[in-house]
Amino acid sequence: MAKFVLNAQTRAEDLQGKGASRRLRREALVPAIIYGGEAEPVTITLELRELTRLLLEDGFFTETLEVKIGEKTESVKIQALQRHPAKNTPMHADFVRA
């Protein structure tokens, strides 16, 4: 079992794009995507507080993570993390399937 577990919700098609992402960030949520492997890409939403807490842990960027989306669990590695230039808070995360 992975040391790091993130709880996520899938995003609907109408909750994608710049405006929708800004609205999510105002609600303390971080838009993200999981891609790679044989499956289709999945757009998800993470809680800012939970992601920020895990970013402080050693090995978050090097170890395999588990993302729980409802009852489904994906094993992923973080590919990219965009941060706000002034606040240094996460704005978007890209995960690749492990």
PDB file of N, CA and C in Angstrom:
ATOM      1  N   MET A   1       0.836  -1.181   0.000  1.00  0.00           N
ATOM      2  CA  MET A   1       0.000   0.000   0.000  1.00  0.00           C
ATOM      3  C   MET A   1       0.879   1.243   0.000  1.00  0.00           C
ATOM      4  N   ALA A   2       0.460   2.235  -0.726  1.00  0.00           N
ATOM      5  CA  ALA A   2       1.236   3.467  -0.843  1.00  0.00           C
ATOM      6  C   ALA A   2       1.165   4.265   0.453  1.00  0.00           C
ATOM      7  N   LYS A   3       2.215   5.004   0.696  1.00  0.00           N
ATOM      8  CA  LYS A   3       2.291   5.841   1.888  1.00  0.00           C
ATOM      9  C   LYS A   3       1.391   7.068   1.766  1.00  0.00           C
ATOM     10  N   PHE A   4       1.193   7.557   0.555  1.00  0.00           N
ATOM     11  CA  PHE A   4       0.429   8.767   0.317  1.00  0.00           C
ATOM     12  C   PHE A   4      -0.897   8.432  -0.355  1.00  0.00           C
ATOM     13  N   VAL A   5      -1.994   8.900   0.237  1.00  0.00           N
ATOM     14  CA  VAL A   5      -3.331   8.645  -0.301  1.00  0.00           C
ATOM     15  C   VAL A   5      -4.054   9.978  -0.425  1.00  0.00           C
ATOM     16  N   LEU A   6      -4.558  10.258  -1.618  1.00  0.00           N
ATOM     17  CA  LEU A   6      -5.335  11.476  -1.878  1.00  0.00           C
ATOM     18  C   LEU A   6      -6.769  11.081  -2.198  1.00  0.00           C
ATOM     19  N   ASN A   7      -7.719  11.783  -1.616  1.00  0.00           N
ATOM     20  CA  ASN A   7      -9.127  11.585  -1.948  1.00  0.00           C
ATOM     21  C   ASN A   7      -9.496  12.604  -3.010  1.00  0.00           C
ATOM     22  N   ALA A   8     -10.188  12.161  -4.049  1.00  0.00           N
ATOM     23  CA  ALA A   8     -10.522  13.039  -5.166  1.00  0.00           C
ATOM     24  C   ALA A   8     -11.946  12.796  -5.634  1.00  0.00           C
ATOM     25  N   GLN A   9     -12.463  13.765  -6.369  1.00  0.00           N
ATOM     26  CA  GLN A   9     -13.757  13.641  -7.028  1.00  0.00           C
ATOM     27  C   GLN A   9     -13.532  13.892  -8.511  1.00  0.00           C
ATOM     28  N   THR A  10     -14.287  13.203  -9.347  1.00  0.00           N
ATOM     29  CA  THR A  10     -14.184  13.462 -10.777  1.00  0.00           C
ATOM     30  C   THR A  10     -14.859  14.790 -11.096  1.00  0.00           C
ATOM     31  N   ARG A  11     -14.376  15.433 -12.152  1.00  0.00           N
ATOM     32  CA  ARG A  11     -14.966  16.697 -12.598  1.00  0.00           C
ATOM     33  C   ARG A  11     -15.807  16.443 -13.827  1.00  0.00           C
ATOM     34  N   ALA A  12     -16.969  17.069 -13.871  1.00  0.00           N
ATOM     35  CA  ALA A  12     -17.841  16.954 -15.037  1.00  0.00           C
ATOM     36  C   ALA A  12     -17.271  17.783 -16.185  1.00  0.00           C
ATOM     37  N   GLU A  13     -17.758  17.526 -17.373  1.00  0.00           N
ATOM     38  CA  GLU A  13     -17.298  18.233 -18.570  1.00  0.00           C
ATOM     39  C   GLU A  13     -17.515  19.742 -18.465  1.00  0.00           C
ATOM     40  N   ASP A  14     -18.605  20.166 -17.825  1.00  0.00           N
ATOM     41  CA  ASP A  14     -18.885  21.600 -17.714  1.00  0.00           C
ATOM     42  C   ASP A  14     -18.054  22.291 -16.628  1.00  0.00           C
ATOM     43  N   LEU A  15     -17.317  21.530 -15.822  1.00  0.00           N
ATOM     44  CA  LEU A  15     -16.458  22.105 -14.792  1.00  0.00           C
ATOM     45  C   LEU A  15     -15.000  22.112 -15.220  1.00  0.00           C
ATOM     46  N   GLN A  16     -14.752  22.203 -16.522  1.00  0.00           N
ATOM     47  CA  GLN A  16     -13.394  22.246 -17.027  1.00  0.00           C
ATOM     48  C   GLN A  16     -13.176  23.558 -17.753  1.00  0.00           C
ATOM     49  N   GLY A  17     -11.935  24.000 -17.792  1.00  0.00           N
ATOM     50  CA  GLY A  17     -11.624  25.263 -18.432  1.00  0.00           C
ATOM     51  C   GLY A  17     -11.146  26.286 -17.423  1.00  0.00           C
ATOM     52  N   LYS A  18     -10.730  27.441 -17.921  1.00  0.00           N
ATOM     53  CA  LYS A  18     -10.137  28.462 -17.075  1.00  0.00           C
ATOM     54  C   LYS A  18     -11.113  29.015 -16.038  1.00  0.00           C
ATOM     55  N   GLY A  19     -12.313  29.380 -16.461  1.00  0.00           N
ATOM     56  CA  GLY A  19     -13.289  29.950 -15.535  1.00  0.00           C
ATOM     57  C   GLY A  19     -13.710  28.963 -14.455  1.00  0.00           C
ATOM     58  N   ALA A  20     -13.958  27.731 -14.855  1.00  0.00           N
ATOM     59  CA  ALA A  20     -14.356  26.706 -13.898  1.00  0.00           C
ATOM     60  C   ALA A  20     -13.224  26.407 -12.915  1.00  0.00           C
ATOM     61  N   SER A  21     -11.992  26.391 -13.399  1.00  0.00           N
ATOM     62  CA  SER A  21     -10.851  26.148 -12.520  1.00  0.00           C
ATOM     63  C   SER A  21     -10.696  27.271 -11.503  1.00  0.00           C
ATOM     64  N   ARG A  22     -10.922  28.491 -11.928  1.00  0.00           N
ATOM     65  CA  ARG A  22     -10.850  29.624 -10.987  1.00  0.00           C
ATOM     66  C   ARG A  22     -11.921  29.516  -9.918  1.00  0.00           C
ATOM     67  N   ARG A  23     -13.125  29.094 -10.298  1.00  0.00           N
ATOM     68  CA  ARG A  23     -14.187  28.918  -9.313  1.00  0.00           C
ATOM     69  C   ARG A  23     -13.840  27.809  -8.314  1.00  0.00           C
ATOM     70  N   LEU A  24     -13.236  26.728  -8.808  1.00  0.00           N
ATOM     71  CA  LEU A  24     -12.817  25.641  -7.921  1.00  0.00           C
ATOM     72  C   LEU A  24     -11.770  26.131  -6.926  1.00  0.00           C
ATOM     73  N   ARG A  25     -10.812  26.907  -7.397  1.00  0.00           N
ATOM     74  CA  ARG A  25      -9.753  27.401  -6.509  1.00  0.00           C
ATOM     75  C   ARG A  25     -10.310  28.309  -5.423  1.00  0.00           C
ATOM     76  N   ARG A  26     -11.345  29.091  -5.742  1.00  0.00           N
ATOM     77  CA  ARG A  26     -11.976  29.941  -4.726  1.00  0.00           C
ATOM     78  C   ARG A  26     -12.646  29.115  -3.641  1.00  0.00           C
ATOM     79  N   GLU A  27     -13.028  27.887  -3.965  1.00  0.00           N
ATOM     80  CA  GLU A  27     -13.653  26.973  -3.009  1.00  0.00           C
ATOM     81  C   GLU A  27     -12.620  26.077  -2.320  1.00  0.00           C
ATOM     82  N   ALA A  28     -11.332  26.428  -2.406  1.00  0.00           N
ATOM     83  CA  ALA A  28     -10.222  25.671  -1.799  1.00  0.00           C
ATOM     84  C   ALA A  28     -10.097  24.270  -2.395  1.00  0.00           C
ATOM     85  N   LEU A  29     -10.313  24.165  -3.717  1.00  0.00           N
ATOM     86  CA  LEU A  29     -10.131  22.912  -4.447  1.00  0.00           C
ATOM     87  C   LEU A  29      -9.069  23.107  -5.510  1.00  0.00           C
ATOM     88  N   VAL A  30      -8.383  22.036  -5.866  1.00  0.00           N
ATOM     89  CA  VAL A  30      -7.316  22.091  -6.863  1.00  0.00           C
ATOM     90  C   VAL A  30      -7.695  21.191  -8.035  1.00  0.00           C
ATOM     91  N   PRO A  31      -7.795  21.746  -9.253  1.00  0.00           N
ATOM     92  CA  PRO A  31      -8.050  20.895 -10.413  1.00  0.00           C
ATOM     93  C   PRO A  31      -6.809  20.060 -10.741  1.00  0.00           C
ATOM     94  N   ALA A  32      -7.037  18.841 -11.205  1.00  0.00           N
ATOM     95  CA  ALA A  32      -5.928  17.944 -11.538  1.00  0.00           C
ATOM     96  C   ALA A  32      -6.372  16.998 -12.644  1.00  0.00           C
ATOM     97  N   ILE A  33      -5.401  16.272 -13.199  1.00  0.00           N
ATOM     98  CA  ILE A  33      -5.690  15.289 -14.252  1.00  0.00           C
ATOM     99  C   ILE A  33      -4.810  14.066 -14.034  1.00  0.00           C
ATOM    100  N   ILE A  34      -5.362  12.901 -14.359  1.00  0.00           N
ATOM    101  CA  ILE A  34      -4.618  11.641 -14.346  1.00  0.00           C
ATOM    102  C   ILE A  34      -4.617  11.122 -15.773  1.00  0.00           C
ATOM    103  N   TYR A  35      -3.420  10.828 -16.303  1.00  0.00           N
ATOM    104  CA  TYR A  35      -3.332  10.322 -17.673  1.00  0.00           C
ATOM    105  C   TYR A  35      -2.247   9.260 -17.756  1.00  0.00           C
ATOM    106  N   GLY A  36      -2.128   8.661 -18.930  1.00  0.00           N
ATOM    107  CA  GLY A  36      -1.124   7.624 -19.153  1.00  0.00           C
ATOM    108  C   GLY A  36      -1.743   6.243 -19.101  1.00  0.00           C
ATOM    109  N   GLY A  37      -0.969   5.258 -19.494  1.00  0.00           N
ATOM    110  CA  GLY A  37      -1.454   3.881 -19.493  1.00  0.00           C
ATOM    111  C   GLY A  37      -2.473   3.655 -20.591  1.00  0.00           C
ATOM    112  N   GLU A  38      -3.265   2.627 -20.444  1.00  0.00           N
ATOM    113  CA  GLU A  38      -4.259   2.254 -21.449  1.00  0.00           C
ATOM    114  C   GLU A  38      -5.581   2.994 -21.274  1.00  0.00           C
ATOM    115  N   ALA A  39      -5.853   3.490 -20.094  1.00  0.00           N
ATOM    116  CA  ALA A  39      -7.140   4.123 -19.809  1.00  0.00           C
ATOM    117  C   ALA A  39      -7.168   5.566 -20.300  1.00  0.00           C
ATOM    118  N   GLU A  40      -8.373   6.085 -20.425  1.00  0.00           N
ATOM    119  CA  GLU A  40      -8.575   7.477 -20.839  1.00  0.00           C
ATOM    120  C   GLU A  40      -8.159   8.424 -19.712  1.00  0.00           C
ATOM    121  N   PRO A  41      -7.764   9.654 -20.048  1.00  0.00           N
ATOM    122  CA  PRO A  41      -7.461  10.638 -19.003  1.00  0.00           C
ATOM    123  C   PRO A  41      -8.698  10.945 -18.157  1.00  0.00           C
ATOM    124  N   VAL A  42      -8.471  11.202 -16.877  1.00  0.00           N
ATOM    125  CA  VAL A  42      -9.543  11.488 -15.935  1.00  0.00           C
ATOM    126  C   VAL A  42      -9.257  12.840 -15.289  1.00  0.00           C
ATOM    127  N   THR A  43     -10.217  13.765 -15.376  1.00  0.00           N
ATOM    128  CA  THR A  43     -10.058  15.047 -14.697  1.00  0.00           C
ATOM    129  C   THR A  43     -10.668  14.932 -13.306  1.00  0.00           C
ATOM    130  N   ILE A  44      -9.904  15.393 -12.314  1.00  0.00           N
ATOM    131  CA  ILE A  44     -10.318  15.249 -10.922  1.00  0.00           C
ATOM    132  C   ILE A  44     -10.169  16.578 -10.184  1.00  0.00           C
ATOM    133  N   THR A  45     -10.693  16.602  -8.976  1.00  0.00           N
ATOM    134  CA  THR A  45     -10.572  17.751  -8.090  1.00  0.00           C
ATOM    135  C   THR A  45     -10.058  17.256  -6.743  1.00  0.00           C
ATOM    136  N   LEU A  46      -9.034  17.930  -6.218  1.00  0.00           N
ATOM    137  CA  LEU A  46      -8.451  17.594  -4.924  1.00  0.00           C
ATOM    138  C   LEU A  46      -8.710  18.716  -3.932  1.00  0.00           C
ATOM    139  N   GLU A  47      -8.698  18.390  -2.648  1.00  0.00           N
ATOM    140  CA  GLU A  47      -8.824  19.418  -1.624  1.00  0.00           C
ATOM    141  C   GLU A  47      -7.469  20.087  -1.426  1.00  0.00           C
ATOM    142  N   LEU A  48      -7.463  21.413  -1.419  1.00  0.00           N
ATOM    143  CA  LEU A  48      -6.226  22.174  -1.261  1.00  0.00           C
ATOM    144  C   LEU A  48      -5.523  21.841   0.044  1.00  0.00           C
ATOM    145  N   ARG A  49      -6.265  21.768   1.129  1.00  0.00           N
ATOM    146  CA  ARG A  49      -5.667  21.497   2.444  1.00  0.00           C
ATOM    147  C   ARG A  49      -4.970  20.142   2.477  1.00  0.00           C
ATOM    148  N   GLU A  50      -5.606  19.124   1.910  1.00  0.00           N
ATOM    149  CA  GLU A  50      -5.040  17.777   1.908  1.00  0.00           C
ATOM    150  C   GLU A  50      -3.775  17.717   1.042  1.00  0.00           C
ATOM    151  N   LEU A  51      -3.826  18.338  -0.136  1.00  0.00           N
ATOM    152  CA  LEU A  51      -2.672  18.342  -1.025  1.00  0.00           C
ATOM    153  C   LEU A  51      -1.511  19.119  -0.411  1.00  0.00           C
ATOM    154  N   THR A  52      -1.776  20.253   0.194  1.00  0.00           N
ATOM    155  CA  THR A  52      -0.730  21.060   0.819  1.00  0.00           C
ATOM    156  C   THR A  52      -0.060  20.294   1.949  1.00  0.00           C
ATOM    157  N   ARG A  53      -0.843  19.571   2.723  1.00  0.00           N
ATOM    158  CA  ARG A  53      -0.275  18.778   3.816  1.00  0.00           C
ATOM    159  C   ARG A  53       0.674  17.705   3.276  1.00  0.00           C
ATOM    160  N   LEU A  54       0.282  17.038   2.196  1.00  0.00           N
ATOM    161  CA  LEU A  54       1.127  15.980   1.639  1.00  0.00           C
ATOM    162  C   LEU A  54       2.372  16.529   0.949  1.00  0.00           C
ATOM    163  N   LEU A  55       2.298  17.751   0.438  1.00  0.00           N
ATOM    164  CA  LEU A  55       3.470  18.348  -0.210  1.00  0.00           C
ATOM    165  C   LEU A  55       4.621  18.561   0.771  1.00  0.00           C
ATOM    166  N   LEU A  56       4.319  18.658   2.048  1.00  0.00           N
ATOM    167  CA  LEU A  56       5.351  18.853   3.067  1.00  0.00           C
ATOM    168  C   LEU A  56       6.072  17.561   3.424  1.00  0.00           C
ATOM    169  N   GLU A  57       5.511  16.425   3.036  1.00  0.00           N
ATOM    170  CA  GLU A  57       6.099  15.123   3.365  1.00  0.00           C
ATOM    171  C   GLU A  57       7.288  14.804   2.460  1.00  0.00           C
ATOM    172  N   ASP A  58       8.293  14.153   3.032  1.00  0.00           N
ATOM    173  CA  ASP A  58       9.434  13.690   2.238  1.00  0.00           C
ATOM    174  C   ASP A  58       8.984  12.556   1.324  1.00  0.00           C
ATOM    175  N   GLY A  59       9.437  12.565   0.102  1.00  0.00           N
ATOM    176  CA  GLY A  59       9.134  11.491  -0.826  1.00  0.00           C
ATOM    177  C   GLY A  59       7.848  11.661  -1.612  1.00  0.00           C
ATOM    178  N   PHE A  60       7.120  12.745  -1.415  1.00  0.00           N
ATOM    179  CA  PHE A  60       5.862  12.921  -2.149  1.00  0.00           C
ATOM    180  C   PHE A  60       6.097  12.955  -3.657  1.00  0.00           C
ATOM    181  N   PHE A  61       7.192  13.564  -4.089  1.00  0.00           N
ATOM    182  CA  PHE A  61       7.473  13.696  -5.516  1.00  0.00           C
ATOM    183  C   PHE A  61       8.172  12.473  -6.099  1.00  0.00           C
ATOM    184  N   THR A  62       8.618  11.533  -5.273  1.00  0.00           N
ATOM    185  CA  THR A  62       9.361  10.390  -5.786  1.00  0.00           C
ATOM    186  C   THR A  62       8.625   9.059  -5.646  1.00  0.00           C
ATOM    187  N   GLU A  63       7.719   8.953  -4.679  1.00  0.00           N
ATOM    188  CA  GLU A  63       7.038   7.684  -4.441  1.00  0.00           C
ATOM    189  C   GLU A  63       5.717   7.591  -5.206  1.00  0.00           C
ATOM    190  N   THR A  64       5.203   6.377  -5.281  1.00  0.00           N
ATOM    191  CA  THR A  64       3.899   6.144  -5.906  1.00  0.00           C
ATOM    192  C   THR A  64       2.798   6.572  -4.939  1.00  0.00           C
ATOM    193  N   LEU A  65       1.815   7.280  -5.476  1.00  0.00           N
ATOM    194  CA  LEU A  65       0.689   7.771  -4.683  1.00  0.00           C
ATOM    195  C   LEU A  65      -0.556   6.971  -5.034  1.00  0.00           C
ATOM    196  N   GLU A  66      -1.519   6.970  -4.149  1.00  0.00           N
ATOM    197  CA  GLU A  66      -2.825   6.396  -4.444  1.00  0.00           C
ATOM    198  C   GLU A  66      -3.841   7.525  -4.463  1.00  0.00           C
ATOM    199  N   VAL A  67      -4.628   7.582  -5.522  1.00  0.00           N
ATOM    200  CA  VAL A  67      -5.698   8.564  -5.625  1.00  0.00           C
ATOM    201  C   VAL A  67      -7.007   7.781  -5.599  1.00  0.00           C
ATOM    202  N   LYS A  68      -7.819   8.037  -4.565  1.00  0.00           N
ATOM    203  CA  LYS A  68      -9.114   7.369  -4.436  1.00  0.00           C
ATOM    204  C   LYS A  68     -10.173   8.253  -5.067  1.00  0.00           C
ATOM    205  N   ILE A  69     -10.813   7.722  -6.099  1.00  0.00           N
ATOM    206  CA  ILE A  69     -11.896   8.418  -6.794  1.00  0.00           C
ATOM    207  C   ILE A  69     -13.150   7.583  -6.577  1.00  0.00           C
ATOM    208  N   GLY A  70     -13.925   7.960  -5.585  1.00  0.00           N
ATOM    209  CA  GLY A  70     -15.077   7.147  -5.213  1.00  0.00           C
ATOM    210  C   GLY A  70     -14.590   5.824  -4.653  1.00  0.00           C
ATOM    211  N   GLU A  71     -14.992   4.724  -5.267  1.00  0.00           N
ATOM    212  CA  GLU A  71     -14.536   3.411  -4.824  1.00  0.00           C
ATOM    213  C   GLU A  71     -13.343   2.917  -5.631  1.00  0.00           C
ATOM    214  N   LYS A  72     -12.973   3.627  -6.685  1.00  0.00           N
ATOM    215  CA  LYS A  72     -11.866   3.239  -7.536  1.00  0.00           C
ATOM    216  C   LYS A  72     -10.569   3.861  -7.017  1.00  0.00           C
ATOM    217  N   THR A  73      -9.472   3.117  -7.101  1.00  0.00           N
ATOM    218  CA  THR A  73      -8.175   3.613  -6.657  1.00  0.00           C
ATOM    219  C   THR A  73      -7.186   3.536  -7.811  1.00  0.00           C
ATOM    220  N   GLU A  74      -6.466   4.636  -8.048  1.00  0.00           N
ATOM    221  CA  GLU A  74      -5.453   4.705  -9.108  1.00  0.00           C
ATOM    222  C   GLU A  74      -4.079   4.850  -8.463  1.00  0.00           C
ATOM    223  N   SER A  75      -3.102   4.081  -8.934  1.00  0.00           N
ATOM    224  CA  SER A  75      -1.712   4.252  -8.509  1.00  0.00           C
ATOM    225  C   SER A  75      -1.049   5.205  -9.491  1.00  0.00           C
ATOM    226  N   VAL A  76      -0.536   6.317  -8.980  1.00  0.00           N
ATOM    227  CA  VAL A  76       0.003   7.365  -9.846  1.00  0.00           C
ATOM    228  C   VAL A  76       1.303   7.925  -9.273  1.00  0.00           C
ATOM    229  N   LYS A  77       2.011   8.664 -10.120  1.00  0.00           N
ATOM    230  CA  LYS A  77       3.153   9.472  -9.700  1.00  0.00           C
ATOM    231  C   LYS A  77       2.876  10.890 -10.162  1.00  0.00           C
ATOM    232  N   ILE A  78       3.341  11.863  -9.400  1.00  0.00           N
ATOM    233  CA  ILE A  78       3.103  13.247  -9.777  1.00  0.00           C
ATOM    234  C   ILE A  78       4.047  13.606 -10.919  1.00  0.00           C
ATOM    235  N   GLN A  79       3.495  14.162 -11.980  1.00  0.00           N
ATOM    236  CA  GLN A  79       4.270  14.540 -13.160  1.00  0.00           C
ATOM    237  C   GLN A  79       4.617  16.021 -13.112  1.00  0.00           C
ATOM    238  N   ALA A  80       3.643  16.856 -12.766  1.00  0.00           N
ATOM    239  CA  ALA A  80       3.868  18.302 -12.729  1.00  0.00           C
ATOM    240  C   ALA A  80       2.949  18.927 -11.690  1.00  0.00           C
ATOM    241  N   LEU A  81       3.419  20.014 -11.105  1.00  0.00           N
ATOM    242  CA  LEU A  81       2.628  20.760 -10.129  1.00  0.00           C
ATOM    243  C   LEU A  81       2.822  22.238 -10.403  1.00  0.00           C
ATOM    244  N   GLN A  82       1.734  22.920 -10.749  1.00  0.00           N
ATOM    245  CA  GLN A  82       1.805  24.359 -10.978  1.00  0.00           C
ATOM    246  C   GLN A  82       1.407  25.053  -9.682  1.00  0.00           C
ATOM    247  N   ARG A  83       2.189  26.082  -9.323  1.00  0.00           N
ATOM    248  CA  ARG A  83       1.938  26.838  -8.105  1.00  0.00           C
ATOM    249  C   ARG A  83       1.665  28.295  -8.440  1.00  0.00           C
ATOM    250  N   HIS A  84       0.952  28.968  -7.546  1.00  0.00           N
ATOM    251  CA  HIS A  84       0.706  30.397  -7.694  1.00  0.00           C
ATOM    252  C   HIS A  84       2.037  31.121  -7.536  1.00  0.00           C
ATOM    253  N   PRO A  85       2.351  32.088  -8.413  1.00  0.00           N
ATOM    254  CA  PRO A  85       3.673  32.730  -8.359  1.00  0.00           C
ATOM    255  C   PRO A  85       3.943  33.515  -7.077  1.00  0.00           C
ATOM    256  N   ALA A  86       2.942  34.103  -6.463  1.00  0.00           N
ATOM    257  CA  ALA A  86       3.173  34.900  -5.262  1.00  0.00           C
ATOM    258  C   ALA A  86       2.863  34.126  -3.979  1.00  0.00           C
ATOM    259  N   LYS A  87       1.784  33.366  -3.987  1.00  0.00           N
ATOM    260  CA  LYS A  87       1.350  32.672  -2.770  1.00  0.00           C
ATOM    261  C   LYS A  87       2.011  31.311  -2.584  1.00  0.00           C
ATOM    262  N   ASN A  88       2.532  30.725  -3.650  1.00  0.00           N
ATOM    263  CA  ASN A  88       3.165  29.410  -3.652  1.00  0.00           C
ATOM    264  C   ASN A  88       2.182  28.282  -3.321  1.00  0.00           C
ATOM    265  N   THR A  89       0.883  28.505  -3.476  1.00  0.00           N
ATOM    266  CA  THR A  89      -0.100  27.449  -3.257  1.00  0.00           C
ATOM    267  C   THR A  89      -0.300  26.668  -4.557  1.00  0.00           C
ATOM    268  N   PRO A  90      -0.613  25.385  -4.475  1.00  0.00           N
ATOM    269  CA  PRO A  90      -0.833  24.594  -5.689  1.00  0.00           C
ATOM    270  C   PRO A  90      -2.044  25.095  -6.475  1.00  0.00           C
ATOM    271  N   MET A  91      -1.882  25.182  -7.805  1.00  0.00           N
ATOM    272  CA  MET A  91      -2.972  25.618  -8.676  1.00  0.00           C
ATOM    273  C   MET A  91      -3.489  24.496  -9.568  1.00  0.00           C
ATOM    274  N   HIS A  92      -2.613  23.556  -9.929  1.00  0.00           N
ATOM    275  CA  HIS A  92      -3.007  22.441 -10.800  1.00  0.00           C
ATOM    276  C   HIS A  92      -1.976  21.337 -10.645  1.00  0.00           C
ATOM    277  N   ALA A  93      -2.422  20.092 -10.739  1.00  0.00           N
ATOM    278  CA  ALA A  93      -1.519  18.948 -10.626  1.00  0.00           C
ATOM    279  C   ALA A  93      -1.757  17.989 -11.778  1.00  0.00           C
ATOM    280  N   ASP A  94      -0.667  17.438 -12.305  1.00  0.00           N
ATOM    281  CA  ASP A  94      -0.731  16.407 -13.331  1.00  0.00           C
ATOM    282  C   ASP A  94      -0.169  15.114 -12.727  1.00  0.00           C
ATOM    283  N   PHE A  95      -0.914  14.034 -12.872  1.00  0.00           N
ATOM    284  CA  PHE A  95      -0.480  12.725 -12.394  1.00  0.00           C
ATOM    285  C   PHE A  95      -0.406  11.762 -13.567  1.00  0.00           C
ATOM    286  N   VAL A  96       0.600  10.899 -13.567  1.00  0.00           N
ATOM    287  CA  VAL A  96       0.719   9.865 -14.595  1.00  0.00           C
ATOM    288  C   VAL A  96       0.556   8.509 -13.899  1.00  0.00           C
ATOM    289  N   ARG A  97      -0.180   7.620 -14.557  1.00  0.00           N
ATOM    290  CA  ARG A  97      -0.421   6.301 -13.968  1.00  0.00           C
ATOM    291  C   ARG A  97       0.893   5.528 -13.847  1.00  0.00           C
ATOM    292  N   ALA A  98       1.052   4.853 -12.732  1.00  0.00           N
ATOM    293  CA  ALA A  98       2.283   4.084 -12.495  1.00  0.00           C
ATOM    294  C   ALA A  98       2.147   2.667 -13.001  1.00  0.00           C
TER     295      ALA A  98
END
